[in-house]
Protein backbone atom coordinates (compact mmCIF):
# COMPACT_ATOMS: atom_id res chain seq x y z
CA UNK A 1 41.52 227.52 92.27
CA UNK A 2 38.71 229.86 93.28
CA UNK A 3 41.13 231.48 95.70
CA UNK A 4 43.44 231.96 92.75
CA UNK A 5 40.61 233.58 90.81
CA UNK A 6 40.01 235.95 93.72
CA UNK A 7 43.71 236.77 93.87
CA UNK A 8 44.11 237.48 90.15
CA UNK A 9 40.84 239.33 89.63
CA UNK A 10 41.22 241.31 92.90
CA UNK A 11 37.45 241.39 93.02
CA UNK A 12 36.26 242.59 96.46
CA UNK A 13 33.25 240.25 96.54
CA UNK A 14 35.48 237.21 96.07
CA UNK A 15 38.21 238.44 98.40
CA UNK A 16 35.61 239.20 101.05
CA UNK A 17 34.10 235.74 100.79
CA UNK A 18 37.42 234.05 101.51
CA UNK A 19 38.65 236.60 104.06
CA UNK A 20 35.45 236.16 106.07
CA UNK A 21 35.37 232.38 105.52
CA UNK A 22 32.00 232.54 103.75
CA UNK A 23 30.56 229.74 101.64
CA UNK A 24 31.22 231.02 98.12
CA UNK A 25 29.16 228.30 96.44
CA UNK A 26 26.20 229.18 98.63
CA UNK A 27 26.61 232.87 97.87
CA UNK A 28 26.72 232.23 94.14
CA UNK A 29 23.67 229.99 94.35
CA UNK A 30 21.82 232.75 96.19
CA UNK A 31 22.56 235.09 93.30
CA UNK A 32 21.46 232.55 90.67
CA UNK A 33 18.21 231.63 92.41
CA UNK A 34 17.39 234.98 93.97
CA UNK A 35 17.38 233.78 97.58
CA UNK A 36 19.34 234.58 100.70
CA UNK A 37 22.47 232.43 101.17
CA UNK A 38 21.04 230.81 104.31
CA UNK A 39 17.96 229.74 102.32
CA UNK A 40 19.93 227.96 99.59
CA UNK A 41 19.17 224.24 99.32
CA UNK A 42 21.79 221.53 98.84
CA UNK A 43 20.77 221.12 95.20
CA UNK A 44 21.00 224.86 94.57
CA UNK A 45 24.43 225.00 96.21
CA UNK A 46 25.62 222.26 93.88
CA UNK A 47 24.51 224.41 90.94
CA UNK A 48 26.37 227.38 92.40
CA UNK A 49 29.50 225.28 92.83
CA UNK A 50 29.32 224.02 89.25
CA UNK A 51 28.86 227.54 87.88
CA UNK A 52 31.76 228.83 89.98
CA UNK A 53 34.13 226.28 88.47
CA UNK A 54 32.62 226.60 84.99
CA UNK A 55 33.98 230.14 85.05
CA UNK A 56 37.52 228.88 85.57
CA UNK A 57 37.24 226.17 82.94
CA UNK A 58 35.69 228.51 80.39
CA UNK A 59 32.62 226.38 79.81
CA UNK A 60 29.88 227.76 77.62
CA UNK A 61 26.15 227.41 77.99
CA UNK A 62 25.98 224.14 76.05
CA UNK A 63 28.60 222.35 78.17
CA UNK A 64 27.26 223.80 81.42
CA UNK A 65 23.72 222.76 80.52
CA UNK A 66 24.86 219.20 79.85
CA UNK A 67 26.66 219.03 83.19
CA UNK A 68 23.71 220.42 85.13
CA UNK A 69 21.08 218.60 83.09
CA UNK A 70 19.22 221.80 82.29
CA UNK A 71 18.22 223.46 78.98
CA UNK A 72 20.89 225.55 77.29
CA UNK A 73 18.88 228.75 77.83
CA UNK A 74 18.83 228.14 81.58
CA UNK A 75 22.58 227.54 81.62
CA UNK A 76 23.12 230.72 79.62
CA UNK A 77 21.05 232.64 82.15
CA UNK A 78 23.21 231.26 84.99
CA UNK A 79 26.35 232.45 83.20
CA UNK A 80 24.91 235.90 82.57
CA UNK A 81 23.77 236.21 86.19
CA UNK A 82 27.19 235.12 87.41
CA UNK A 83 29.08 237.71 85.39
CA UNK A 84 26.57 240.41 86.24
CA UNK A 85 27.29 239.80 89.93
CA UNK A 86 31.04 239.11 89.59
CA UNK A 87 31.68 241.71 86.89
CA UNK A 88 35.38 242.12 87.62
CA UNK A 89 35.92 238.42 86.95
CA UNK A 90 34.68 238.90 83.39
CA UNK A 91 36.96 241.89 82.95
CA UNK A 92 39.95 239.94 84.25
CA UNK A 93 39.20 237.03 81.92
CA UNK A 94 38.95 239.41 78.96
CA UNK A 95 42.24 241.13 79.88
CA UNK A 96 44.00 237.80 80.30
CA UNK A 97 42.78 236.46 76.97
CA UNK A 98 43.66 239.71 75.15
CA UNK A 99 47.17 239.63 76.61
CA UNK A 100 47.57 235.98 75.59
CA UNK A 101 46.67 236.87 72.00
CA UNK A 102 49.32 239.60 71.99
CA UNK A 103 52.10 237.61 73.66
CA UNK A 104 51.24 234.08 72.63
CA UNK A 105 51.52 232.80 76.18
CA UNK A 106 50.25 233.18 79.75
CA UNK A 107 52.11 232.93 83.05
CA UNK A 108 51.46 231.39 86.44
CA UNK A 109 51.88 233.04 89.81
CA UNK A 110 55.53 232.03 89.97
CA UNK A 111 56.32 233.03 86.41
CA UNK A 112 56.06 229.76 84.50
CA UNK A 113 54.99 230.36 80.91
CA UNK A 114 52.57 228.33 78.84
CA UNK A 115 52.67 229.04 75.14
CA UNK A 116 49.35 228.58 73.33
CA UNK A 117 49.74 227.98 69.57
CA UNK A 118 45.99 227.46 69.25
CA UNK A 119 45.46 231.18 69.66
CA UNK A 120 46.87 231.79 66.19
CA UNK A 121 44.85 229.02 64.53
CA UNK A 122 42.58 229.84 61.60
CA UNK A 123 39.94 227.57 63.12
CA UNK A 124 37.37 229.30 65.31
CA UNK A 125 36.99 226.14 67.35
CA UNK A 126 40.74 225.85 67.99
CA UNK A 127 41.08 229.54 68.85
CA UNK A 128 38.21 229.22 71.33
CA UNK A 129 39.97 226.25 72.91
CA UNK A 130 43.14 228.32 73.13
CA UNK A 131 41.26 231.11 74.87
CA UNK A 132 39.92 228.65 77.43
CA UNK A 133 43.49 227.51 78.08
CA UNK A 134 44.62 231.12 78.39
CA UNK A 135 41.96 231.89 80.99
CA UNK A 136 42.44 228.67 82.92
CA UNK A 137 46.23 228.28 83.04
CA UNK A 138 47.05 231.22 85.35
CA UNK A 139 44.65 229.76 87.92
CA UNK A 140 45.26 226.02 87.65
CA UNK A 141 48.95 226.49 86.92
CA UNK A 142 49.37 228.73 89.95
CA UNK A 143 47.55 226.18 92.11
CA UNK A 144 50.07 223.59 90.90
CA UNK A 145 52.93 225.99 91.72
CA UNK A 146 51.74 226.38 95.28
CA UNK A 147 51.13 222.66 95.75
CA UNK A 148 54.66 221.85 94.59
CA UNK A 149 56.17 224.49 96.86
CA UNK A 150 54.19 223.12 99.80
CA UNK A 151 55.25 219.53 99.08
CA UNK A 152 58.90 220.53 98.88
CA UNK A 153 58.64 222.52 102.10
CA UNK A 154 56.88 219.67 103.91
CA UNK A 155 59.48 217.20 102.65
CA UNK A 156 62.21 219.36 104.19
CA UNK A 157 60.45 219.79 107.53
CA UNK A 158 58.80 216.39 107.90
CA UNK A 159 61.79 214.42 109.28
CA UNK A 160 62.05 216.76 112.25
CA UNK A 161 58.44 216.27 113.38
CA UNK A 162 57.66 212.79 112.06
CA UNK A 163 60.79 210.65 111.61
CA UNK A 164 60.25 207.92 109.05
CA UNK A 165 57.27 209.57 107.40
CA UNK A 166 57.34 210.31 103.69
CA UNK A 167 55.50 212.68 101.37
CA UNK A 168 53.40 210.67 98.91
CA UNK A 169 53.25 206.96 98.18
CA UNK A 170 56.04 204.86 96.61
CA UNK A 171 54.36 205.18 93.21
CA UNK A 172 54.43 208.96 93.46
CA UNK A 173 50.67 209.14 93.93
CA UNK A 174 48.68 209.93 97.04
CA UNK A 175 47.78 206.79 98.97
CA UNK A 176 44.12 206.44 100.00
CA UNK A 177 43.47 205.94 103.69
CA UNK A 178 40.24 204.35 104.90
CA UNK A 179 38.31 205.73 107.84
CA UNK A 180 39.54 204.60 111.22
CA UNK A 181 42.66 204.90 113.38
CA UNK A 182 44.97 205.19 110.35
CA UNK A 183 42.97 208.08 108.98
CA UNK A 184 43.03 209.79 112.38
CA UNK A 185 46.81 209.45 112.51
CA UNK A 186 47.21 210.90 109.03
CA UNK A 187 44.85 213.79 109.83
CA UNK A 188 46.76 214.51 113.03
CA UNK A 189 50.06 214.49 111.16
CA UNK A 190 48.74 216.88 108.51
CA UNK A 191 47.42 219.29 111.12
CA UNK A 192 50.78 219.13 112.89
CA UNK A 193 53.03 219.53 109.85
CA UNK A 194 51.20 222.07 107.67
CA UNK A 195 51.52 225.00 110.13
CA UNK A 196 55.28 224.38 110.14
CA UNK A 197 55.65 224.90 106.42
CA UNK A 198 57.53 228.13 105.84
CA UNK A 199 56.05 230.34 103.11
CA UNK A 200 58.21 230.86 100.02
CA UNK A 201 60.46 233.90 99.91
CA UNK A 202 58.56 235.20 96.89
CA UNK A 203 55.76 237.60 97.81
CA UNK A 204 53.02 238.91 95.50
CA UNK A 205 52.31 242.66 95.55
CA UNK A 206 50.33 243.57 98.70
CA UNK A 207 47.45 244.97 96.63
CA UNK A 208 46.81 241.50 95.25
CA UNK A 209 46.93 239.66 98.57
CA UNK A 210 44.20 238.72 100.97
CA UNK A 211 43.81 236.57 104.05
CA UNK A 212 42.05 233.43 102.90
CA UNK A 213 41.35 230.87 105.67
CA UNK A 214 41.42 227.21 104.67
CA UNK A 215 39.72 224.43 106.59
CA UNK A 216 42.03 221.40 106.59
CA UNK A 217 39.18 219.13 107.64
CA UNK A 218 36.47 220.09 105.18
CA UNK A 219 38.85 221.15 102.40
CA UNK A 220 37.05 224.43 101.79
């Protein structure tokens, strides 16, 4: 989802972090606590991670403070520091919300629309909820688009490299695998299959693309 935010906002600082395989949560924590990224503690990194995702979910100072267990004023300061450093993210969020008010909907990367009736509500609370949906849907919805495309592509290619294997569990949910030989086999299969997945024919405009490495082991 943070990769989606980097893609949509086109913000160089975010694109650079992913292109160079940097730890974005550590970088954000460094900004929030005024220290170098390599001096960030585990606890500070966790705060940076929470603030990074709070941006996507549209959380305010009250909600963020409750999650972090800090006073509201401290949470508000984190939010202000974040948007001061990642200024283009704020501008993208504002543009996205303004467009949603005009059109009544937002779209995902592959063009799916989500209509948001709450945006026309007379209730301030409901309109604010609609704006959070408007800001969040392009990112989370696009992540869902890409996951579905990948699952379909893997399902097509899997029989050739792993006869008898299936995508997902019988219930349609991912099946947990405990540590041990079974987990090693699953990890080996994933590392073998994923590089074979052909990218979709659709291509975003080059100006909005970036090379974003993904670590299949750590999930970062």
